[in-house]
Amino acid sequence: MKRFLFLSLLSLLIAPLVYGKSREAKPGSGAPTDSKPRGDARPSGPPELVLGTVAHWQAEAELRHPDLRSPGSVFSCAFRTALEAMRHDDPRFFAANDWPLRLAERVARSFGDANPPHGT
């Protein structure tokens, strides 16, 4: 039993060295927390958009087609339907990060207008 406890404690001490991570104390747990900011800490709030990422192209699609932001809009429903169809029919469509904008433009063309009326 003593050997088991010793090995358990030893593994808790060695694991952060092996895996490069330290166990952080949860706030309110009574354990001391590191008060200095960490280099990999991210500020709270909305994430910044990095050009060329999927999030960037999703934001661009929402700017060009504002109804995409409204979950109940006809355009948003058509986008989700087209998204599921593309996932099933052509998974390679998602290889390039600009797929949200390309898909939104495709849905807009299916309405017969590159910019369908808002509120539809």
PDB file of N, CA and C in Angstrom:
ATOM      1  N   MET A   1       0.831  -1.191   0.000  1.00  0.00           N
ATOM      2  CA  MET A   1       0.000   0.000   0.000  1.00  0.00           C
ATOM      3  C   MET A   1       0.869   1.246   0.000  1.00  0.00           C
ATOM      4  N   LYS A   2       1.954   1.236   0.800  1.00  0.00           N
ATOM      5  CA  LYS A   2       2.839   2.398   0.845  1.00  0.00           C
ATOM      6  C   LYS A   2       3.505   2.597  -0.509  1.00  0.00           C
ATOM      7  N   ARG A   3       3.858   1.487  -1.163  1.00  0.00           N
ATOM      8  CA  ARG A   3       4.507   1.584  -2.468  1.00  0.00           C
ATOM      9  C   ARG A   3       3.533   2.187  -3.498  1.00  0.00           C
ATOM     10  N   PHE A   4       2.270   1.797  -3.438  1.00  0.00           N
ATOM     11  CA  PHE A   4       1.265   2.333  -4.346  1.00  0.00           C
ATOM     12  C   PHE A   4       1.121   3.848  -4.153  1.00  0.00           C
ATOM     13  N   LEU A   5       1.045   4.287  -2.904  1.00  0.00           N
ATOM     14  CA  LEU A   5       0.919   5.713  -2.626  1.00  0.00           C
ATOM     15  C   LEU A   5       2.155   6.476  -3.103  1.00  0.00           C
ATOM     16  N   PHE A   6       3.321   5.902  -2.861  1.00  0.00           N
ATOM     17  CA  PHE A   6       4.563   6.541  -3.304  1.00  0.00           C
ATOM     18  C   PHE A   6       4.596   6.686  -4.824  1.00  0.00           C
ATOM     19  N   LEU A   7       4.233   5.618  -5.539  1.00  0.00           N
ATOM     20  CA  LEU A   7       4.235   5.666  -6.993  1.00  0.00           C
ATOM     21  C   LEU A   7       3.175   6.630  -7.528  1.00  0.00           C
ATOM     22  N   SER A   8       2.035   6.699  -6.874  1.00  0.00           N
ATOM     23  CA  SER A   8       0.989   7.633  -7.292  1.00  0.00           C
ATOM     24  C   SER A   8       1.467   9.071  -7.149  1.00  0.00           C
ATOM     25  N   LEU A   9       2.067   9.376  -6.003  1.00  0.00           N
ATOM     26  CA  LEU A   9       2.577  10.731  -5.785  1.00  0.00           C
ATOM     27  C   LEU A   9       3.711  11.050  -6.754  1.00  0.00           C
ATOM     28  N   LEU A  10       4.556  10.093  -6.989  1.00  0.00           N
ATOM     29  CA  LEU A  10       5.664  10.289  -7.910  1.00  0.00           C
ATOM     30  C   LEU A  10       5.148  10.563  -9.326  1.00  0.00           C
ATOM     31  N   SER A  11       4.118   9.820  -9.737  1.00  0.00           N
ATOM     32  CA  SER A  11       3.575  10.049 -11.077  1.00  0.00           C
ATOM     33  C   SER A  11       2.926  11.425 -11.183  1.00  0.00           C
ATOM     34  N   LEU A  12       2.318  11.906 -10.112  1.00  0.00           N
ATOM     35  CA  LEU A  12       1.734  13.250 -10.130  1.00  0.00           C
ATOM     36  C   LEU A  12       2.809  14.328 -10.269  1.00  0.00           C
ATOM     37  N   LEU A  13       3.965  14.074  -9.709  1.00  0.00           N
ATOM     38  CA  LEU A  13       5.050  15.044  -9.801  1.00  0.00           C
ATOM     39  C   LEU A  13       5.770  14.976 -11.142  1.00  0.00           C
ATOM     40  N   ILE A  14       5.864  13.791 -11.714  1.00  0.00           N
ATOM     41  CA  ILE A  14       6.620  13.612 -12.952  1.00  0.00           C
ATOM     42  C   ILE A  14       5.779  13.926 -14.180  1.00  0.00           C
ATOM     43  N   ALA A  15       4.480  13.677 -14.128  1.00  0.00           N
ATOM     44  CA  ALA A  15       3.620  13.872 -15.300  1.00  0.00           C
ATOM     45  C   ALA A  15       3.755  15.256 -15.929  1.00  0.00           C
ATOM     46  N   PRO A  16       3.759  16.349 -15.134  1.00  0.00           N
ATOM     47  CA  PRO A  16       3.916  17.660 -15.770  1.00  0.00           C
ATOM     48  C   PRO A  16       5.249  17.817 -16.492  1.00  0.00           C
ATOM     49  N   LEU A  17       6.265  17.183 -16.003  1.00  0.00           N
ATOM     50  CA  LEU A  17       7.565  17.272 -16.653  1.00  0.00           C
ATOM     51  C   LEU A  17       7.582  16.496 -17.966  1.00  0.00           C
ATOM     52  N   VAL A  18       6.920  15.351 -17.959  1.00  0.00           N
ATOM     53  CA  VAL A  18       6.891  14.508 -19.141  1.00  0.00           C
ATOM     54  C   VAL A  18       5.998  15.108 -20.225  1.00  0.00           C
ATOM     55  N   TYR A  19       4.817  15.569 -19.818  1.00  0.00           N
ATOM     56  CA  TYR A  19       3.841  16.058 -20.791  1.00  0.00           C
ATOM     57  C   TYR A  19       3.910  17.562 -21.013  1.00  0.00           C
ATOM     58  N   GLY A  20       4.729  18.261 -20.247  1.00  0.00           N
ATOM     59  CA  GLY A  20       4.907  19.694 -20.450  1.00  0.00           C
ATOM     60  C   GLY A  20       3.743  20.529 -19.971  1.00  0.00           C
ATOM     61  N   LYS A  21       2.887  19.966 -19.158  1.00  0.00           N
ATOM     62  CA  LYS A  21       1.740  20.705 -18.635  1.00  0.00           C
ATOM     63  C   LYS A  21       1.753  20.609 -17.121  1.00  0.00           C
ATOM     64  N   SER A  22       1.305  21.657 -16.505  1.00  0.00           N
ATOM     65  CA  SER A  22       1.173  21.605 -15.057  1.00  0.00           C
ATOM     66  C   SER A  22      -0.301  21.584 -14.711  1.00  0.00           C
ATOM     67  N   ARG A  23      -0.592  20.989 -13.612  1.00  0.00           N
ATOM     68  CA  ARG A  23      -1.982  20.971 -13.167  1.00  0.00           C
ATOM     69  C   ARG A  23      -2.270  22.310 -12.524  1.00  0.00           C
ATOM     70  N   GLU A  24      -3.327  22.948 -12.997  1.00  0.00           N
ATOM     71  CA  GLU A  24      -3.687  24.246 -12.462  1.00  0.00           C
ATOM     72  C   GLU A  24      -4.784  24.059 -11.430  1.00  0.00           C
ATOM     73  N   ALA A  25      -4.712  24.865 -10.377  1.00  0.00           N
ATOM     74  CA  ALA A  25      -5.739  24.815  -9.351  1.00  0.00           C
ATOM     75  C   ALA A  25      -6.993  25.491  -9.867  1.00  0.00           C
ATOM     76  N   LYS A  26      -8.133  24.922  -9.516  1.00  0.00           N
ATOM     77  CA  LYS A  26      -9.398  25.515  -9.914  1.00  0.00           C
ATOM     78  C   LYS A  26      -9.716  26.648  -8.952  1.00  0.00           C
ATOM     79  N   PRO A  27     -10.246  27.756  -9.481  1.00  0.00           N
ATOM     80  CA  PRO A  27     -10.632  28.854  -8.592  1.00  0.00           C
ATOM     81  C   PRO A  27     -11.678  28.384  -7.594  1.00  0.00           C
ATOM     82  N   GLY A  28     -11.515  28.819  -6.357  1.00  0.00           N
ATOM     83  CA  GLY A  28     -12.457  28.450  -5.317  1.00  0.00           C
ATOM     84  C   GLY A  28     -12.168  27.112  -4.676  1.00  0.00           C
ATOM     85  N   SER A  29     -11.114  26.419  -5.119  1.00  0.00           N
ATOM     86  CA  SER A  29     -10.825  25.110  -4.551  1.00  0.00           C
ATOM     87  C   SER A  29      -9.960  25.206  -3.301  1.00  0.00           C
ATOM     88  N   GLY A  30      -9.466  26.405  -2.992  1.00  0.00           N
ATOM     89  CA  GLY A  30      -8.620  26.571  -1.828  1.00  0.00           C
ATOM     90  C   GLY A  30      -7.152  26.351  -2.129  1.00  0.00           C
ATOM     91  N   ALA A  31      -6.844  25.813  -3.284  1.00  0.00           N
ATOM     92  CA  ALA A  31      -5.456  25.593  -3.672  1.00  0.00           C
ATOM     93  C   ALA A  31      -4.890  26.900  -4.222  1.00  0.00           C
ATOM     94  N   PRO A  32      -3.606  27.137  -4.014  1.00  0.00           N
ATOM     95  CA  PRO A  32      -3.022  28.379  -4.533  1.00  0.00           C
ATOM     96  C   PRO A  32      -3.043  28.396  -6.055  1.00  0.00           C
ATOM     97  N   THR A  33      -3.288  29.559  -6.601  1.00  0.00           N
ATOM     98  CA  THR A  33      -3.274  29.709  -8.050  1.00  0.00           C
ATOM     99  C   THR A  33      -2.128  30.608  -8.440  1.00  0.00           C
ATOM    100  N   ASP A  34      -1.685  30.455  -9.660  1.00  0.00           N
ATOM    101  CA  ASP A  34      -0.601  31.273 -10.189  1.00  0.00           C
ATOM    102  C   ASP A  34      -1.181  32.633 -10.556  1.00  0.00           C
ATOM    103  N   SER A  35      -0.730  33.706  -9.896  1.00  0.00           N
ATOM    104  CA  SER A  35      -1.328  35.012 -10.127  1.00  0.00           C
ATOM    105  C   SER A  35      -0.728  35.740 -11.315  1.00  0.00           C
ATOM    106  N   LYS A  36       0.438  35.331 -11.781  1.00  0.00           N
ATOM    107  CA  LYS A  36       1.014  36.027 -12.919  1.00  0.00           C
ATOM    108  C   LYS A  36       0.428  35.497 -14.218  1.00  0.00           C
ATOM    109  N   PRO A  37       0.227  36.401 -15.205  1.00  0.00           N
ATOM    110  CA  PRO A  37      -0.376  35.961 -16.463  1.00  0.00           C
ATOM    111  C   PRO A  37       0.531  35.014 -17.220  1.00  0.00           C
ATOM    112  N   ARG A  38      -0.086  34.066 -17.896  1.00  0.00           N
ATOM    113  CA  ARG A  38       0.671  33.104 -18.680  1.00  0.00           C
ATOM    114  C   ARG A  38       0.760  33.596 -20.101  1.00  0.00           C
ATOM    115  N   GLY A  39       1.785  33.187 -20.795  1.00  0.00           N
ATOM    116  CA  GLY A  39       1.998  33.621 -22.167  1.00  0.00           C
ATOM    117  C   GLY A  39       0.944  33.110 -23.125  1.00  0.00           C
ATOM    118  N   ASP A  40       0.335  31.943 -22.816  1.00  0.00           N
ATOM    119  CA  ASP A  40      -0.655  31.392 -23.725  1.00  0.00           C
ATOM    120  C   ASP A  40      -2.085  31.751 -23.322  1.00  0.00           C
ATOM    121  N   ALA A  41      -2.226  32.603 -22.313  1.00  0.00           N
ATOM    122  CA  ALA A  41      -3.553  33.009 -21.871  1.00  0.00           C
ATOM    123  C   ALA A  41      -4.205  33.888 -22.930  1.00  0.00           C
ATOM    124  N   ARG A  42      -5.458  33.645 -23.170  1.00  0.00           N
ATOM    125  CA  ARG A  42      -6.195  34.420 -24.164  1.00  0.00           C
ATOM    126  C   ARG A  42      -7.129  35.389 -23.441  1.00  0.00           C
ATOM    127  N   PRO A  43      -7.242  36.595 -23.949  1.00  0.00           N
ATOM    128  CA  PRO A  43      -8.168  37.528 -23.311  1.00  0.00           C
ATOM    129  C   PRO A  43      -9.602  37.075 -23.522  1.00  0.00           C
ATOM    130  N   SER A  44     -10.437  37.390 -22.529  1.00  0.00           N
ATOM    131  CA  SER A  44     -11.838  37.022 -22.695  1.00  0.00           C
ATOM    132  C   SER A  44     -12.489  37.986 -23.664  1.00  0.00           C
ATOM    133  N   GLY A  45     -13.580  37.559 -24.245  1.00  0.00           N
ATOM    134  CA  GLY A  45     -14.256  38.385 -25.236  1.00  0.00           C
ATOM    135  C   GLY A  45     -14.277  37.680 -26.565  1.00  0.00           C
ATOM    136  N   PRO A  46     -14.805  38.343 -27.584  1.00  0.00           N
ATOM    137  CA  PRO A  46     -14.890  37.690 -28.893  1.00  0.00           C
ATOM    138  C   PRO A  46     -13.510  37.445 -29.481  1.00  0.00           C
ATOM    139  N   PRO A  47     -13.330  36.305 -30.134  1.00  0.00           N
ATOM    140  CA  PRO A  47     -12.025  36.017 -30.724  1.00  0.00           C
ATOM    141  C   PRO A  47     -11.752  36.942 -31.904  1.00  0.00           C
ATOM    142  N   GLU A  48     -10.493  37.275 -32.084  1.00  0.00           N
ATOM    143  CA  GLU A  48     -10.122  38.091 -33.229  1.00  0.00           C
ATOM    144  C   GLU A  48     -10.118  37.213 -34.474  1.00  0.00           C
ATOM    145  N   LEU A  49     -10.575  37.786 -35.565  1.00  0.00           N
ATOM    146  CA  LEU A  49     -10.604  37.032 -36.812  1.00  0.00           C
ATOM    147  C   LEU A  49      -9.249  37.111 -37.485  1.00  0.00           C
ATOM    148  N   VAL A  50      -8.735  35.980 -37.848  1.00  0.00           N
ATOM    149  CA  VAL A  50      -7.479  35.900 -38.569  1.00  0.00           C
ATOM    150  C   VAL A  50      -7.827  35.707 -40.034  1.00  0.00           C
ATOM    151  N   LEU A  51      -7.266  36.561 -40.876  1.00  0.00           N
ATOM    152  CA  LEU A  51      -7.563  36.490 -42.297  1.00  0.00           C
ATOM    153  C   LEU A  51      -7.279  35.104 -42.844  1.00  0.00           C
ATOM    154  N   GLY A  52      -8.190  34.621 -43.651  1.00  0.00           N
ATOM    155  CA  GLY A  52      -7.992  33.332 -44.306  1.00  0.00           C
ATOM    156  C   GLY A  52      -8.490  32.137 -43.526  1.00  0.00           C
ATOM    157  N   THR A  53      -8.965  32.340 -42.295  1.00  0.00           N
ATOM    158  CA  THR A  53      -9.476  31.206 -41.520  1.00  0.00           C
ATOM    159  C   THR A  53     -10.940  30.977 -41.855  1.00  0.00           C
ATOM    160  N   VAL A  54     -11.468  29.831 -41.470  1.00  0.00           N
ATOM    161  CA  VAL A  54     -12.872  29.529 -41.695  1.00  0.00           C
ATOM    162  C   VAL A  54     -13.741  30.576 -40.992  1.00  0.00           C
ATOM    163  N   ALA A  55     -13.358  30.991 -39.779  1.00  0.00           N
ATOM    164  CA  ALA A  55     -14.131  31.998 -39.044  1.00  0.00           C
ATOM    165  C   ALA A  55     -14.168  33.319 -39.814  1.00  0.00           C
ATOM    166  N   HIS A  56     -13.051  33.686 -40.429  1.00  0.00           N
ATOM    167  CA  HIS A  56     -13.002  34.908 -41.238  1.00  0.00           C
ATOM    168  C   HIS A  56     -13.977  34.818 -42.400  1.00  0.00           C
ATOM    169  N   TRP A  57     -13.973  33.694 -43.109  1.00  0.00           N
ATOM    170  CA  TRP A  57     -14.842  33.541 -44.265  1.00  0.00           C
ATOM    171  C   TRP A  57     -16.305  33.416 -43.846  1.00  0.00           C
ATOM    172  N   GLN A  58     -16.561  32.847 -42.670  1.00  0.00           N
ATOM    173  CA  GLN A  58     -17.933  32.789 -42.158  1.00  0.00           C
ATOM    174  C   GLN A  58     -18.425  34.205 -41.867  1.00  0.00           C
ATOM    175  N   ALA A  59     -17.578  35.029 -41.255  1.00  0.00           N
ATOM    176  CA  ALA A  59     -17.948  36.417 -40.977  1.00  0.00           C
ATOM    177  C   ALA A  59     -18.190  37.179 -42.278  1.00  0.00           C
ATOM    178  N   GLU A  60     -17.374  36.931 -43.285  1.00  0.00           N
ATOM    179  CA  GLU A  60     -17.551  37.590 -44.586  1.00  0.00           C
ATOM    180  C   GLU A  60     -18.882  37.168 -45.224  1.00  0.00           C
ATOM    181  N   ALA A  61     -19.207  35.894 -45.116  1.00  0.00           N
ATOM    182  CA  ALA A  61     -20.486  35.406 -45.656  1.00  0.00           C
ATOM    183  C   ALA A  61     -21.651  36.065 -44.924  1.00  0.00           C
ATOM    184  N   GLU A  62     -21.530  36.238 -43.607  1.00  0.00           N
ATOM    185  CA  GLU A  62     -22.591  36.874 -42.835  1.00  0.00           C
ATOM    186  C   GLU A  62     -22.713  38.358 -43.168  1.00  0.00           C
ATOM    187  N   LEU A  63     -21.598  39.009 -43.496  1.00  0.00           N
ATOM    188  CA  LEU A  63     -21.654  40.409 -43.913  1.00  0.00           C
ATOM    189  C   LEU A  63     -22.368  40.553 -45.251  1.00  0.00           C
ATOM    190  N   ARG A  64     -22.065  39.671 -46.184  1.00  0.00           N
ATOM    191  CA  ARG A  64     -22.680  39.742 -47.508  1.00  0.00           C
ATOM    192  C   ARG A  64     -24.131  39.259 -47.502  1.00  0.00           C
ATOM    193  N   HIS A  65     -24.442  38.348 -46.594  1.00  0.00           N
ATOM    194  CA  HIS A  65     -25.783  37.761 -46.516  1.00  0.00           C
ATOM    195  C   HIS A  65     -26.238  37.783 -45.055  1.00  0.00           C
ATOM    196  N   PRO A  66     -26.716  38.933 -44.578  1.00  0.00           N
ATOM    197  CA  PRO A  66     -27.068  39.080 -43.158  1.00  0.00           C
ATOM    198  C   PRO A  66     -28.109  38.078 -42.659  1.00  0.00           C
ATOM    199  N   ASP A  67     -28.960  37.573 -43.544  1.00  0.00           N
ATOM    200  CA  ASP A  67     -29.959  36.594 -43.114  1.00  0.00           C
ATOM    201  C   ASP A  67     -29.319  35.285 -42.656  1.00  0.00           C
ATOM    202  N   LEU A  68     -28.076  35.101 -42.976  1.00  0.00           N
ATOM    203  CA  LEU A  68     -27.363  33.901 -42.533  1.00  0.00           C
ATOM    204  C   LEU A  68     -27.257  33.878 -41.006  1.00  0.00           C
ATOM    205  N   ARG A  69     -27.275  35.058 -40.378  1.00  0.00           N
ATOM    206  CA  ARG A  69     -27.184  35.150 -38.913  1.00  0.00           C
ATOM    207  C   ARG A  69     -28.492  34.812 -38.223  1.00  0.00           C
ATOM    208  N   SER A  70     -29.599  34.856 -38.938  1.00  0.00           N
ATOM    209  CA  SER A  70     -30.922  34.583 -38.355  1.00  0.00           C
ATOM    210  C   SER A  70     -31.261  33.111 -38.538  1.00  0.00           C
ATOM    211  N   PRO A  71     -31.249  32.333 -37.456  1.00  0.00           N
ATOM    212  CA  PRO A  71     -31.461  30.889 -37.584  1.00  0.00           C
ATOM    213  C   PRO A  71     -32.774  30.505 -38.248  1.00  0.00           C
ATOM    214  N   GLY A  72     -33.809  31.324 -38.124  1.00  0.00           N
ATOM    215  CA  GLY A  72     -35.101  30.963 -38.687  1.00  0.00           C
ATOM    216  C   GLY A  72     -35.345  31.473 -40.095  1.00  0.00           C
ATOM    217  N   SER A  73     -34.394  32.202 -40.654  1.00  0.00           N
ATOM    218  CA  SER A  73     -34.616  32.768 -41.989  1.00  0.00           C
ATOM    219  C   SER A  73     -34.553  31.676 -43.059  1.00  0.00           C
ATOM    220  N   VAL A  74     -35.226  31.959 -44.163  1.00  0.00           N
ATOM    221  CA  VAL A  74     -35.230  31.010 -45.276  1.00  0.00           C
ATOM    222  C   VAL A  74     -33.806  30.799 -45.782  1.00  0.00           C
ATOM    223  N   PHE A  75     -33.032  31.894 -45.847  1.00  0.00           N
ATOM    224  CA  PHE A  75     -31.664  31.793 -46.345  1.00  0.00           C
ATOM    225  C   PHE A  75     -30.813  30.916 -45.428  1.00  0.00           C
ATOM    226  N   SER A  76     -30.943  31.129 -44.121  1.00  0.00           N
ATOM    227  CA  SER A  76     -30.167  30.340 -43.164  1.00  0.00           C
ATOM    228  C   SER A  76     -30.548  28.858 -43.229  1.00  0.00           C
ATOM    229  N   CYS A  77     -31.829  28.579 -43.346  1.00  0.00           N
ATOM    230  CA  CYS A  77     -32.276  27.180 -43.461  1.00  0.00           C
ATOM    231  C   CYS A  77     -31.755  26.546 -44.748  1.00  0.00           C
ATOM    232  N   ALA A  78     -31.786  27.317 -45.836  1.00  0.00           N
ATOM    233  CA  ALA A  78     -31.264  26.803 -47.110  1.00  0.00           C
ATOM    234  C   ALA A  78     -29.765  26.563 -47.010  1.00  0.00           C
ATOM    235  N   PHE A  79     -29.058  27.441 -46.289  1.00  0.00           N
ATOM    236  CA  PHE A  79     -27.611  27.274 -46.101  1.00  0.00           C
ATOM    237  C   PHE A  79     -27.329  25.986 -45.334  1.00  0.00           C
ATOM    238  N   ARG A  80     -28.071  25.771 -44.237  1.00  0.00           N
ATOM    239  CA  ARG A  80     -27.849  24.553 -43.444  1.00  0.00           C
ATOM    240  C   ARG A  80     -28.172  23.295 -44.243  1.00  0.00           C
ATOM    241  N   THR A  81     -29.220  23.353 -45.054  1.00  0.00           N
ATOM    242  CA  THR A  81     -29.572  22.213 -45.895  1.00  0.00           C
ATOM    243  C   THR A  81     -28.477  21.936 -46.919  1.00  0.00           C
ATOM    244  N   ALA A  82     -27.978  23.008 -47.543  1.00  0.00           N
ATOM    245  CA  ALA A  82     -26.892  22.858 -48.520  1.00  0.00           C
ATOM    246  C   ALA A  82     -25.621  22.355 -47.838  1.00  0.00           C
ATOM    247  N   LEU A  83     -25.386  22.810 -46.616  1.00  0.00           N
ATOM    248  CA  LEU A  83     -24.208  22.373 -45.857  1.00  0.00           C
ATOM    249  C   LEU A  83     -24.248  20.869 -45.620  1.00  0.00           C
ATOM    250  N   GLU A  84     -25.392  20.370 -45.173  1.00  0.00           N
ATOM    251  CA  GLU A  84     -25.516  18.933 -44.929  1.00  0.00           C
ATOM    252  C   GLU A  84     -25.381  18.142 -46.233  1.00  0.00           C
ATOM    253  N   ALA A  85     -25.943  18.667 -47.302  1.00  0.00           N
ATOM    254  CA  ALA A  85     -25.836  17.985 -48.598  1.00  0.00           C
ATOM    255  C   ALA A  85     -24.384  17.922 -49.055  1.00  0.00           C
ATOM    256  N   MET A  86     -23.641  19.032 -48.884  1.00  0.00           N
ATOM    257  CA  MET A  86     -22.234  19.053 -49.292  1.00  0.00           C
ATOM    258  C   MET A  86     -21.394  18.111 -48.436  1.00  0.00           C
ATOM    259  N   ARG A  87     -21.694  18.053 -47.153  1.00  0.00           N
ATOM    260  CA  ARG A  87     -20.955  17.129 -46.277  1.00  0.00           C
ATOM    261  C   ARG A  87     -21.129  15.692 -46.747  1.00  0.00           C
ATOM    262  N   HIS A  88     -22.312  15.388 -47.216  1.00  0.00           N
ATOM    263  CA  HIS A  88     -22.604  14.030 -47.672  1.00  0.00           C
ATOM    264  C   HIS A  88     -22.078  13.778 -49.088  1.00  0.00           C
ATOM    265  N   ASP A  89     -22.323  14.732 -49.995  1.00  0.00           N
ATOM    266  CA  ASP A  89     -22.025  14.529 -51.406  1.00  0.00           C
ATOM    267  C   ASP A  89     -20.593  14.847 -51.815  1.00  0.00           C
ATOM    268  N   ASP A  90     -20.016  15.899 -51.236  1.00  0.00           N
ATOM    269  CA  ASP A  90     -18.693  16.344 -51.677  1.00  0.00           C
ATOM    270  C   ASP A  90     -17.865  16.883 -50.508  1.00  0.00           C
ATOM    271  N   PRO A  91     -17.346  16.003 -49.651  1.00  0.00           N
ATOM    272  CA  PRO A  91     -16.572  16.447 -48.492  1.00  0.00           C
ATOM    273  C   PRO A  91     -15.332  17.270 -48.874  1.00  0.00           C
ATOM    274  N   ARG A  92     -14.845  17.103 -50.107  1.00  0.00           N
ATOM    275  CA  ARG A  92     -13.667  17.876 -50.535  1.00  0.00           C
ATOM    276  C   ARG A  92     -13.964  19.360 -50.662  1.00  0.00           C
ATOM    277  N   PHE A  93     -15.243  19.706 -50.742  1.00  0.00           N
ATOM    278  CA  PHE A  93     -15.655  21.108 -50.825  1.00  0.00           C
ATOM    279  C   PHE A  93     -15.109  21.904 -49.638  1.00  0.00           C
ATOM    280  N   PHE A  94     -14.920  21.247 -48.504  1.00  0.00           N
ATOM    281  CA  PHE A  94     -14.504  21.903 -47.267  1.00  0.00           C
ATOM    282  C   PHE A  94     -12.989  21.977 -47.101  1.00  0.00           C
ATOM    283  N   ALA A  95     -12.246  21.565 -48.119  1.00  0.00           N
ATOM    284  CA  ALA A  95     -10.783  21.566 -48.027  1.00  0.00           C
ATOM    285  C   ALA A  95     -10.230  22.989 -47.956  1.00  0.00           C
ATOM    286  N   ALA A  96     -10.829  23.911 -48.674  1.00  0.00           N
ATOM    287  CA  ALA A  96     -10.385  25.309 -48.647  1.00  0.00           C
ATOM    288  C   ALA A  96     -11.163  26.046 -47.563  1.00  0.00           C
ATOM    289  N   ASN A  97     -10.481  26.928 -46.843  1.00  0.00           N
ATOM    290  CA  ASN A  97     -11.090  27.632 -45.718  1.00  0.00           C
ATOM    291  C   ASN A  97     -12.218  28.579 -46.107  1.00  0.00           C
ATOM    292  N   ASP A  98     -12.323  28.940 -47.376  1.00  0.00           N
ATOM    293  CA  ASP A  98     -13.360  29.897 -47.769  1.00  0.00           C
ATOM    294  C   ASP A  98     -14.699  29.227 -48.079  1.00  0.00           C
ATOM    295  N   TRP A  99     -14.872  27.985 -47.677  1.00  0.00           N
ATOM    296  CA  TRP A  99     -16.097  27.267 -47.993  1.00  0.00           C
ATOM    297  C   TRP A  99     -17.358  27.960 -47.472  1.00  0.00           C
ATOM    298  N   PRO A 100     -17.361  28.631 -46.309  1.00  0.00           N
ATOM    299  CA  PRO A 100     -18.617  29.271 -45.891  1.00  0.00           C
ATOM    300  C   PRO A 100     -19.109  30.323 -46.894  1.00  0.00           C
ATOM    301  N   LEU A 101     -18.181  31.131 -47.412  1.00  0.00           N
ATOM    302  CA  LEU A 101     -18.571  32.150 -48.375  1.00  0.00           C
ATOM    303  C   LEU A 101     -18.999  31.522 -49.699  1.00  0.00           C
ATOM    304  N   ARG A 102     -18.251  30.528 -50.165  1.00  0.00           N
ATOM    305  CA  ARG A 102     -18.616  29.868 -51.425  1.00  0.00           C
ATOM    306  C   ARG A 102     -19.989  29.220 -51.330  1.00  0.00           C
ATOM    307  N   LEU A 103     -20.266  28.586 -50.189  1.00  0.00           N
ATOM    308  CA  LEU A 103     -21.561  27.937 -50.007  1.00  0.00           C
ATOM    309  C   LEU A 103     -22.683  28.972 -49.911  1.00  0.00           C
ATOM    310  N   ALA A 104     -22.436  30.069 -49.211  1.00  0.00           N
ATOM    311  CA  ALA A 104     -23.448  31.133 -49.112  1.00  0.00           C
ATOM    312  C   ALA A 104     -23.739  31.722 -50.487  1.00  0.00           C
ATOM    313  N   GLU A 105     -22.706  31.923 -51.296  1.00  0.00           N
ATOM    314  CA  GLU A 105     -22.901  32.457 -52.649  1.00  0.00           C
ATOM    315  C   GLU A 105     -23.690  31.461 -53.506  1.00  0.00           C
ATOM    316  N   ARG A 106     -23.415  30.194 -53.324  1.00  0.00           N
ATOM    317  CA  ARG A 106     -24.136  29.156 -54.078  1.00  0.00           C
ATOM    318  C   ARG A 106     -25.619  29.162 -53.690  1.00  0.00           C
ATOM    319  N   VAL A 107     -25.890  29.289 -52.397  1.00  0.00           N
ATOM    320  CA  VAL A 107     -27.277  29.341 -51.935  1.00  0.00           C
ATOM    321  C   VAL A 107     -27.957  30.597 -52.472  1.00  0.00           C
ATOM    322  N   ALA A 108     -27.243  31.716 -52.457  1.00  0.00           N
ATOM    323  CA  ALA A 108     -27.805  32.970 -52.973  1.00  0.00           C
ATOM    324  C   ALA A 108     -28.153  32.825 -54.450  1.00  0.00           C
ATOM    325  N   ARG A 109     -27.283  32.177 -55.213  1.00  0.00           N
ATOM    326  CA  ARG A 109     -27.562  31.964 -56.639  1.00  0.00           C
ATOM    327  C   ARG A 109     -28.792  31.079 -56.838  1.00  0.00           C
ATOM    328  N   SER A 110     -28.988  30.134 -55.918  1.00  0.00           N
ATOM    329  CA  SER A 110     -30.159  29.266 -56.035  1.00  0.00           C
ATOM    330  C   SER A 110     -31.454  30.052 -55.835  1.00  0.00           C
ATOM    331  N   PHE A 111     -31.363  31.193 -55.129  1.00  0.00           N
ATOM    332  CA  PHE A 111     -32.515  32.080 -54.982  1.00  0.00           C
ATOM    333  C   PHE A 111     -32.678  32.970 -56.214  1.00  0.00           C
ATOM    334  N   GLY A 112     -31.714  32.923 -57.129  1.00  0.00           N
ATOM    335  CA  GLY A 112     -31.783  33.722 -58.348  1.00  0.00           C
ATOM    336  C   GLY A 112     -31.241  35.109 -58.177  1.00  0.00           C
ATOM    337  N   ASP A 113     -30.596  35.390 -57.045  1.00  0.00           N
ATOM    338  CA  ASP A 113     -30.063  36.720 -56.782  1.00  0.00           C
ATOM    339  C   ASP A 113     -28.795  36.542 -55.938  1.00  0.00           C
ATOM    340  N   ALA A 114     -27.757  37.286 -56.280  1.00  0.00           N
ATOM    341  CA  ALA A 114     -26.517  37.184 -55.516  1.00  0.00           C
ATOM    342  C   ALA A 114     -26.679  37.753 -54.120  1.00  0.00           C
ATOM    343  N   ASN A 115     -27.692  38.546 -53.892  1.00  0.00           N
ATOM    344  CA  ASN A 115     -27.962  39.134 -52.588  1.00  0.00           C
ATOM    345  C   ASN A 115     -29.469  39.119 -52.343  1.00  0.00           C
ATOM    346  N   PRO A 116     -30.036  37.989 -51.859  1.00  0.00           N
ATOM    347  CA  PRO A 116     -31.487  37.896 -51.704  1.00  0.00           C
ATOM    348  C   PRO A 116     -32.001  38.929 -50.713  1.00  0.00           C
ATOM    349  N   PRO A 117     -33.277  39.304 -50.826  1.00  0.00           N
ATOM    350  CA  PRO A 117     -33.821  40.324 -49.935  1.00  0.00           C
ATOM    351  C   PRO A 117     -33.741  39.881 -48.500  1.00  0.00           C
ATOM    352  N   HIS A 118     -33.510  40.829 -47.599  1.00  0.00           N
ATOM    353  CA  HIS A 118     -33.400  40.525 -46.164  1.00  0.00           C
ATOM    354  C   HIS A 118     -34.770  40.215 -45.598  1.00  0.00           C
ATOM    355  N   GLY A 119     -34.752  39.398 -44.568  1.00  0.00           N
ATOM    356  CA  GLY A 119     -36.009  39.058 -43.903  1.00  0.00           C
ATOM    357  C   GLY A 119     -36.764  37.932 -44.563  1.00  0.00           C
ATOM    358  N   THR A 120     -36.107  37.241 -45.500  1.00  0.00           N
ATOM    359  CA  THR A 120     -36.793  36.129 -46.156  1.00  0.00           C
ATOM    360  C   THR A 120     -36.474  34.837 -45.474  1.00  0.00           C
TER     361      THR A 120
END
